[in-house]
Amino acid sequence: MVMGFSIALIVFSLLLMLLVLMHKGKGGGLSDMFGGGMQSSVGGSSVAERNLDRITVVVGLLWFASIVVLGLLMKLDK
């Protein structure tokens, strides 16, 4: 059981990193260093960006839940 949640945590971590890197830079911070500040946002978010935001939030919540469950399993295992 602990091994399964450990693998899930690794998968969610990698997926979360990928999803965060796919976001468009909103200006300022590290996104300017890589050229993200040169793009101007004309309007609101597109449908693809909103869906990417939703997927990122869901994966982040799953990542957090897997950490909590893994911590509880390891505490009860001792």
PDB file of N, CA and C in Angstrom:
ATOM      1  N   MET A   1       0.818  -1.187   0.000  1.00  0.00           N
ATOM      2  CA  MET A   1       0.000   0.000   0.000  1.00  0.00           C
ATOM      3  C   MET A   1       0.870   1.262   0.000  1.00  0.00           C
ATOM      4  N   VAL A   2       1.913   1.250   0.840  1.00  0.00           N
ATOM      5  CA  VAL A   2       2.817   2.394   0.902  1.00  0.00           C
ATOM      6  C   VAL A   2       3.550   2.550  -0.423  1.00  0.00           C
ATOM      7  N   MET A   3       3.923   1.434  -1.032  1.00  0.00           N
ATOM      8  CA  MET A   3       4.627   1.485  -2.309  1.00  0.00           C
ATOM      9  C   MET A   3       3.738   2.092  -3.399  1.00  0.00           C
ATOM     10  N   GLY A   4       2.472   1.765  -3.393  1.00  0.00           N
ATOM     11  CA  GLY A   4       1.545   2.302  -4.384  1.00  0.00           C
ATOM     12  C   GLY A   4       1.386   3.807  -4.255  1.00  0.00           C
ATOM     13  N   PHE A   5       1.257   4.299  -3.025  1.00  0.00           N
ATOM     14  CA  PHE A   5       1.130   5.739  -2.824  1.00  0.00           C
ATOM     15  C   PHE A   5       2.452   6.457  -3.090  1.00  0.00           C
ATOM     16  N   SER A   6       3.576   5.779  -2.867  1.00  0.00           N
ATOM     17  CA  SER A   6       4.868   6.377  -3.191  1.00  0.00           C
ATOM     18  C   SER A   6       5.013   6.564  -4.695  1.00  0.00           C
ATOM     19  N   ILE A   7       4.600   5.559  -5.442  1.00  0.00           N
ATOM     20  CA  ILE A   7       4.645   5.663  -6.903  1.00  0.00           C
ATOM     21  C   ILE A   7       3.681   6.732  -7.393  1.00  0.00           C
ATOM     22  N   ALA A   8       2.489   6.788  -6.802  1.00  0.00           N
ATOM     23  CA  ALA A   8       1.513   7.819  -7.177  1.00  0.00           C
ATOM     24  C   ALA A   8       2.064   9.208  -6.877  1.00  0.00           C
ATOM     25  N   LEU A   9       2.762   9.368  -5.763  1.00  0.00           N
ATOM     26  CA  LEU A   9       3.345  10.661  -5.409  1.00  0.00           C
ATOM     27  C   LEU A   9       4.400  11.084  -6.429  1.00  0.00           C
ATOM     28  N   ILE A  10       5.209  10.153  -6.870  1.00  0.00           N
ATOM     29  CA  ILE A  10       6.227  10.462  -7.884  1.00  0.00           C
ATOM     30  C   ILE A  10       5.564  10.866  -9.195  1.00  0.00           C
ATOM     31  N   VAL A  11       4.542  10.133  -9.599  1.00  0.00           N
ATOM     32  CA  VAL A  11       3.839  10.440 -10.855  1.00  0.00           C
ATOM     33  C   VAL A  11       3.158  11.801 -10.766  1.00  0.00           C
ATOM     34  N   PHE A  12       2.466  12.067  -9.658  1.00  0.00           N
ATOM     35  CA  PHE A  12       1.794  13.357  -9.497  1.00  0.00           C
ATOM     36  C   PHE A  12       2.801  14.499  -9.451  1.00  0.00           C
ATOM     37  N   SER A  13       3.956  14.282  -8.835  1.00  0.00           N
ATOM     38  CA  SER A  13       4.988  15.321  -8.772  1.00  0.00           C
ATOM     39  C   SER A  13       5.506  15.670 -10.162  1.00  0.00           C
ATOM     40  N   LEU A  14       5.808  14.654 -10.949  1.00  0.00           N
ATOM     41  CA  LEU A  14       6.295  14.906 -12.306  1.00  0.00           C
ATOM     42  C   LEU A  14       5.230  15.565 -13.168  1.00  0.00           C
ATOM     43  N   LEU A  15       3.996  15.113 -13.037  1.00  0.00           N
ATOM     44  CA  LEU A  15       2.903  15.690 -13.807  1.00  0.00           C
ATOM     45  C   LEU A  15       2.652  17.142 -13.405  1.00  0.00           C
ATOM     46  N   LEU A  16       2.751  17.431 -12.109  1.00  0.00           N
ATOM     47  CA  LEU A  16       2.550  18.791 -11.629  1.00  0.00           C
ATOM     48  C   LEU A  16       3.648  19.726 -12.141  1.00  0.00           C
ATOM     49  N   MET A  17       4.886  19.249 -12.154  1.00  0.00           N
ATOM     50  CA  MET A  17       5.974  20.061 -12.706  1.00  0.00           C
ATOM     51  C   MET A  17       5.733  20.366 -14.178  1.00  0.00           C
ATOM     52  N   LEU A  18       5.320  19.373 -14.926  1.00  0.00           N
ATOM     53  CA  LEU A  18       5.055  19.556 -16.348  1.00  0.00           C
ATOM     54  C   LEU A  18       3.919  20.545 -16.574  1.00  0.00           C
ATOM     55  N   LEU A  19       2.853  20.425 -15.806  1.00  0.00           N
ATOM     56  CA  LEU A  19       1.711  21.322 -15.965  1.00  0.00           C
ATOM     57  C   LEU A  19       2.062  22.762 -15.595  1.00  0.00           C
ATOM     58  N   VAL A  20       2.845  22.955 -14.551  1.00  0.00           N
ATOM     59  CA  VAL A  20       3.240  24.307 -14.160  1.00  0.00           C
ATOM     60  C   VAL A  20       4.133  24.929 -15.231  1.00  0.00           C
ATOM     61  N   LEU A  21       5.021  24.141 -15.811  1.00  0.00           N
ATOM     62  CA  LEU A  21       5.892  24.665 -16.856  1.00  0.00           C
ATOM     63  C   LEU A  21       5.131  24.982 -18.141  1.00  0.00           C
ATOM     64  N   MET A  22       3.992  24.365 -18.352  1.00  0.00           N
ATOM     65  CA  MET A  22       3.198  24.630 -19.546  1.00  0.00           C
ATOM     66  C   MET A  22       2.424  25.935 -19.455  1.00  0.00           C
ATOM     67  N   HIS A  23       2.286  26.498 -18.248  1.00  0.00           N
ATOM     68  CA  HIS A  23       1.546  27.743 -18.088  1.00  0.00           C
ATOM     69  C   HIS A  23       2.255  28.887 -18.789  1.00  0.00           C
ATOM     70  N   LYS A  24       1.469  29.818 -19.257  1.00  0.00           N
ATOM     71  CA  LYS A  24       1.988  31.002 -19.913  1.00  0.00           C
ATOM     72  C   LYS A  24       2.428  31.988 -18.840  1.00  0.00           C
ATOM     73  N   GLY A  25       3.574  32.619 -19.051  1.00  0.00           N
ATOM     74  CA  GLY A  25       4.077  33.590 -18.095  1.00  0.00           C
ATOM     75  C   GLY A  25       3.182  34.817 -18.045  1.00  0.00           C
ATOM     76  N   LYS A  26       2.886  35.289 -16.859  1.00  0.00           N
ATOM     77  CA  LYS A  26       2.011  36.445 -16.697  1.00  0.00           C
ATOM     78  C   LYS A  26       2.809  37.733 -16.496  1.00  0.00           C
ATOM     79  N   GLY A  27       4.108  37.669 -16.666  1.00  0.00           N
ATOM     80  CA  GLY A  27       4.948  38.854 -16.504  1.00  0.00           C
ATOM     81  C   GLY A  27       5.557  38.910 -15.121  1.00  0.00           C
ATOM     82  N   GLY A  28       6.795  39.310 -15.062  1.00  0.00           N
ATOM     83  CA  GLY A  28       7.487  39.396 -13.782  1.00  0.00           C
ATOM     84  C   GLY A  28       8.007  38.043 -13.354  1.00  0.00           C
ATOM     85  N   GLY A  29       8.919  38.046 -12.463  1.00  0.00           N
ATOM     86  CA  GLY A  29       9.452  36.802 -11.926  1.00  0.00           C
ATOM     87  C   GLY A  29      10.388  36.111 -12.899  1.00  0.00           C
ATOM     88  N   LEU A  30      10.487  34.824 -12.763  1.00  0.00           N
ATOM     89  CA  LEU A  30      11.419  34.059 -13.578  1.00  0.00           C
ATOM     90  C   LEU A  30      10.980  33.898 -15.030  1.00  0.00           C
ATOM     91  N   SER A  31       9.699  34.117 -15.316  1.00  0.00           N
ATOM     92  CA  SER A  31       9.241  33.953 -16.694  1.00  0.00           C
ATOM     93  C   SER A  31       9.866  34.994 -17.615  1.00  0.00           C
ATOM     94  N   ASP A  32      10.234  36.174 -17.084  1.00  0.00           N
ATOM     95  CA  ASP A  32      10.900  37.194 -17.895  1.00  0.00           C
ATOM     96  C   ASP A  32      12.298  36.760 -18.316  1.00  0.00           C
ATOM     97  N   MET A  33      12.958  35.993 -17.468  1.00  0.00           N
ATOM     98  CA  MET A  33      14.310  35.563 -17.773  1.00  0.00           C
ATOM     99  C   MET A  33      14.344  34.667 -19.013  1.00  0.00           C
ATOM    100  N   PHE A  34      13.302  33.916 -19.228  1.00  0.00           N
ATOM    101  CA  PHE A  34      13.266  32.993 -20.347  1.00  0.00           C
ATOM    102  C   PHE A  34      12.466  33.542 -21.525  1.00  0.00           C
ATOM    103  N   GLY A  35      12.169  34.817 -21.539  1.00  0.00           N
ATOM    104  CA  GLY A  35      11.480  35.424 -22.669  1.00  0.00           C
ATOM    105  C   GLY A  35       9.977  35.478 -22.531  1.00  0.00           C
ATOM    106  N   GLY A  36       9.439  35.084 -21.415  1.00  0.00           N
ATOM    107  CA  GLY A  36       7.994  35.100 -21.233  1.00  0.00           C
ATOM    108  C   GLY A  36       7.422  36.495 -21.078  1.00  0.00           C
ATOM    109  N   GLY A  37       8.258  37.448 -20.674  1.00  0.00           N
ATOM    110  CA  GLY A  37       7.787  38.809 -20.489  1.00  0.00           C
ATOM    111  C   GLY A  37       7.616  39.572 -21.783  1.00  0.00           C
ATOM    112  N   MET A  38       8.120  39.046 -22.891  1.00  0.00           N
ATOM    113  CA  MET A  38       8.025  39.736 -24.166  1.00  0.00           C
ATOM    114  C   MET A  38       6.640  39.599 -24.786  1.00  0.00           C
ATOM    115  N   GLN A  39       5.898  38.632 -24.372  1.00  0.00           N
ATOM    116  CA  GLN A  39       4.569  38.414 -24.925  1.00  0.00           C
ATOM    117  C   GLN A  39       3.573  39.260 -24.149  1.00  0.00           C
ATOM    118  N   SER A  40       2.668  39.867 -24.867  1.00  0.00           N
ATOM    119  CA  SER A  40       1.643  40.664 -24.186  1.00  0.00           C
ATOM    120  C   SER A  40       0.327  39.911 -24.226  1.00  0.00           C
ATOM    121  N   SER A  41      -0.381  39.959 -23.116  1.00  0.00           N
ATOM    122  CA  SER A  41      -1.682  39.302 -23.077  1.00  0.00           C
ATOM    123  C   SER A  41      -2.729  40.324 -23.494  1.00  0.00           C
ATOM    124  N   VAL A  42      -3.399  40.049 -24.594  1.00  0.00           N
ATOM    125  CA  VAL A  42      -4.347  40.995 -25.158  1.00  0.00           C
ATOM    126  C   VAL A  42      -5.683  40.935 -24.435  1.00  0.00           C
ATOM    127  N   GLY A  43      -6.169  39.738 -24.216  1.00  0.00           N
ATOM    128  CA  GLY A  43      -7.480  39.608 -23.596  1.00  0.00           C
ATOM    129  C   GLY A  43      -7.445  38.677 -22.414  1.00  0.00           C
ATOM    130  N   GLY A  44      -8.591  38.072 -22.184  1.00  0.00           N
ATOM    131  CA  GLY A  44      -8.694  37.129 -21.079  1.00  0.00           C
ATOM    132  C   GLY A  44      -8.078  35.788 -21.436  1.00  0.00           C
ATOM    133  N   SER A  45      -8.260  34.843 -20.571  1.00  0.00           N
ATOM    134  CA  SER A  45      -7.708  33.512 -20.788  1.00  0.00           C
ATOM    135  C   SER A  45      -8.512  32.768 -21.831  1.00  0.00           C
ATOM    136  N   SER A  46      -7.814  31.965 -22.602  1.00  0.00           N
ATOM    137  CA  SER A  46      -8.512  31.129 -23.572  1.00  0.00           C
ATOM    138  C   SER A  46      -9.056  29.895 -22.860  1.00  0.00           C
ATOM    139  N   VAL A  47      -9.837  29.143 -23.581  1.00  0.00           N
ATOM    140  CA  VAL A  47     -10.429  27.927 -23.005  1.00  0.00           C
ATOM    141  C   VAL A  47      -9.331  26.933 -22.635  1.00  0.00           C
ATOM    142  N   ALA A  48      -8.314  26.839 -23.481  1.00  0.00           N
ATOM    143  CA  ALA A  48      -7.225  25.902 -23.199  1.00  0.00           C
ATOM    144  C   ALA A  48      -6.479  26.287 -21.925  1.00  0.00           C
ATOM    145  N   GLU A  49      -6.266  27.575 -21.711  1.00  0.00           N
ATOM    146  CA  GLU A  49      -5.567  28.017 -20.505  1.00  0.00           C
ATOM    147  C   GLU A  49      -6.404  27.777 -19.258  1.00  0.00           C
ATOM    148  N   ARG A  50      -7.706  28.000 -19.363  1.00  0.00           N
ATOM    149  CA  ARG A  50      -8.580  27.740 -18.203  1.00  0.00           C
ATOM    150  C   ARG A  50      -8.614  26.252 -17.882  1.00  0.00           C
ATOM    151  N   ASN A  51      -8.668  25.412 -18.911  1.00  0.00           N
ATOM    152  CA  ASN A  51      -8.648  23.963 -18.668  1.00  0.00           C
ATOM    153  C   ASN A  51      -7.314  23.537 -18.079  1.00  0.00           C
ATOM    154  N   LEU A  52      -6.225  24.133 -18.542  1.00  0.00           N
ATOM    155  CA  LEU A  52      -4.915  23.828 -17.971  1.00  0.00           C
ATOM    156  C   LEU A  52      -4.859  24.235 -16.500  1.00  0.00           C
ATOM    157  N   ASP A  53      -5.470  25.374 -16.175  1.00  0.00           N
ATOM    158  CA  ASP A  53      -5.536  25.795 -14.773  1.00  0.00           C
ATOM    159  C   ASP A  53      -6.316  24.786 -13.934  1.00  0.00           C
ATOM    160  N   ARG A  54      -7.451  24.348 -14.448  1.00  0.00           N
ATOM    161  CA  ARG A  54      -8.269  23.378 -13.704  1.00  0.00           C
ATOM    162  C   ARG A  54      -7.539  22.056 -13.509  1.00  0.00           C
ATOM    163  N   ILE A  55      -6.885  21.580 -14.554  1.00  0.00           N
ATOM    164  CA  ILE A  55      -6.151  20.312 -14.456  1.00  0.00           C
ATOM    165  C   ILE A  55      -5.014  20.447 -13.457  1.00  0.00           C
ATOM    166  N   THR A  56      -4.339  21.595 -13.465  1.00  0.00           N
ATOM    167  CA  THR A  56      -3.238  21.822 -12.524  1.00  0.00           C
ATOM    168  C   THR A  56      -3.738  21.817 -11.084  1.00  0.00           C
ATOM    169  N   VAL A  57      -4.878  22.436 -10.842  1.00  0.00           N
ATOM    170  CA  VAL A  57      -5.444  22.447  -9.486  1.00  0.00           C
ATOM    171  C   VAL A  57      -5.823  21.037  -9.050  1.00  0.00           C
ATOM    172  N   VAL A  58      -6.445  20.270  -9.931  1.00  0.00           N
ATOM    173  CA  VAL A  58      -6.844  18.896  -9.579  1.00  0.00           C
ATOM    174  C   VAL A  58      -5.628  18.035  -9.292  1.00  0.00           C
ATOM    175  N   VAL A  59      -4.598  18.131 -10.123  1.00  0.00           N
ATOM    176  CA  VAL A  59      -3.386  17.339  -9.896  1.00  0.00           C
ATOM    177  C   VAL A  59      -2.695  17.794  -8.611  1.00  0.00           C
ATOM    178  N   GLY A  60      -2.723  19.097  -8.332  1.00  0.00           N
ATOM    179  CA  GLY A  60      -2.146  19.598  -7.078  1.00  0.00           C
ATOM    180  C   GLY A  60      -2.876  19.061  -5.861  1.00  0.00           C
ATOM    181  N   LEU A  61      -4.197  18.995  -5.934  1.00  0.00           N
ATOM    182  CA  LEU A  61      -4.974  18.434  -4.825  1.00  0.00           C
ATOM    183  C   LEU A  61      -4.714  16.938  -4.656  1.00  0.00           C
ATOM    184  N   LEU A  62      -4.590  16.220  -5.760  1.00  0.00           N
ATOM    185  CA  LEU A  62      -4.269  14.790  -5.684  1.00  0.00           C
ATOM    186  C   LEU A  62      -2.871  14.583  -5.105  1.00  0.00           C
ATOM    187  N   TRP A  63      -1.934  15.462  -5.474  1.00  0.00           N
ATOM    188  CA  TRP A  63      -0.573  15.400  -4.951  1.00  0.00           C
ATOM    189  C   TRP A  63      -0.584  15.601  -3.432  1.00  0.00           C
ATOM    190  N   PHE A  64      -1.333  16.606  -2.978  1.00  0.00           N
ATOM    191  CA  PHE A  64      -1.435  16.881  -1.546  1.00  0.00           C
ATOM    192  C   PHE A  64      -2.097  15.724  -0.809  1.00  0.00           C
ATOM    193  N   ALA A  65      -3.176  15.178  -1.386  1.00  0.00           N
ATOM    194  CA  ALA A  65      -3.879  14.063  -0.741  1.00  0.00           C
ATOM    195  C   ALA A  65      -2.981  12.833  -0.647  1.00  0.00           C
ATOM    196  N   SER A  66      -2.178  12.580  -1.677  1.00  0.00           N
ATOM    197  CA  SER A  66      -1.299  11.410  -1.624  1.00  0.00           C
ATOM    198  C   SER A  66      -0.213  11.582  -0.567  1.00  0.00           C
ATOM    199  N   ILE A  67       0.244  12.819  -0.344  1.00  0.00           N
ATOM    200  CA  ILE A  67       1.223  13.064   0.723  1.00  0.00           C
ATOM    201  C   ILE A  67       0.597  12.805   2.097  1.00  0.00           C
ATOM    202  N   VAL A  68      -0.627  13.281   2.283  1.00  0.00           N
ATOM    203  CA  VAL A  68      -1.299  13.087   3.577  1.00  0.00           C
ATOM    204  C   VAL A  68      -1.546  11.607   3.833  1.00  0.00           C
ATOM    205  N   VAL A  69      -2.058  10.903   2.834  1.00  0.00           N
ATOM    206  CA  VAL A  69      -2.344   9.470   3.009  1.00  0.00           C
ATOM    207  C   VAL A  69      -1.055   8.690   3.230  1.00  0.00           C
ATOM    208  N   LEU A  70      -0.014   9.034   2.488  1.00  0.00           N
ATOM    209  CA  LEU A  70       1.269   8.342   2.661  1.00  0.00           C
ATOM    210  C   LEU A  70       1.833   8.591   4.060  1.00  0.00           C
ATOM    211  N   GLY A  71       1.706   9.810   4.561  1.00  0.00           N
ATOM    212  CA  GLY A  71       2.162  10.106   5.923  1.00  0.00           C
ATOM    213  C   GLY A  71       1.390   9.334   6.968  1.00  0.00           C
ATOM    214  N   LEU A  72       0.062   9.259   6.786  1.00  0.00           N
ATOM    215  CA  LEU A  72      -0.753   8.488   7.741  1.00  0.00           C
ATOM    216  C   LEU A  72      -0.439   6.996   7.681  1.00  0.00           C
ATOM    217  N   LEU A  73      -0.236   6.479   6.493  1.00  0.00           N
ATOM    218  CA  LEU A  73       0.099   5.058   6.372  1.00  0.00           C
ATOM    219  C   LEU A  73       1.448   4.746   7.024  1.00  0.00           C
ATOM    220  N   MET A  74       2.403   5.639   6.841  1.00  0.00           N
ATOM    221  CA  MET A  74       3.718   5.393   7.434  1.00  0.00           C
ATOM    222  C   MET A  74       3.668   5.540   8.960  1.00  0.00           C
ATOM    223  N   LYS A  75       2.808   6.426   9.460  1.00  0.00           N
ATOM    224  CA  LYS A  75       2.685   6.593  10.907  1.00  0.00           C
ATOM    225  C   LYS A  75       2.006   5.385  11.525  1.00  0.00           C
ATOM    226  N   LEU A  76       0.967   4.866  10.868  1.00  0.00           N
ATOM    227  CA  LEU A  76       0.249   3.712  11.400  1.00  0.00           C
ATOM    228  C   LEU A  76       1.016   2.402  11.211  1.00  0.00           C
ATOM    229  N   ASP A  77       1.984   2.412  10.293  1.00  0.00           N
ATOM    230  CA  ASP A  77       2.744   1.201  10.013  1.00  0.00           C
ATOM    231  C   ASP A  77       3.747   0.900  11.125  1.00  0.00           C
ATOM    232  N   LYS A  78       4.136   1.910  11.890  1.00  0.00           N
ATOM    233  CA  LYS A  78       5.154   1.695  12.936  1.00  0.00           C
ATOM    234  C   LYS A  78       4.569   1.095  14.172  1.00  0.00           C
TER     235      LYS A  78
END
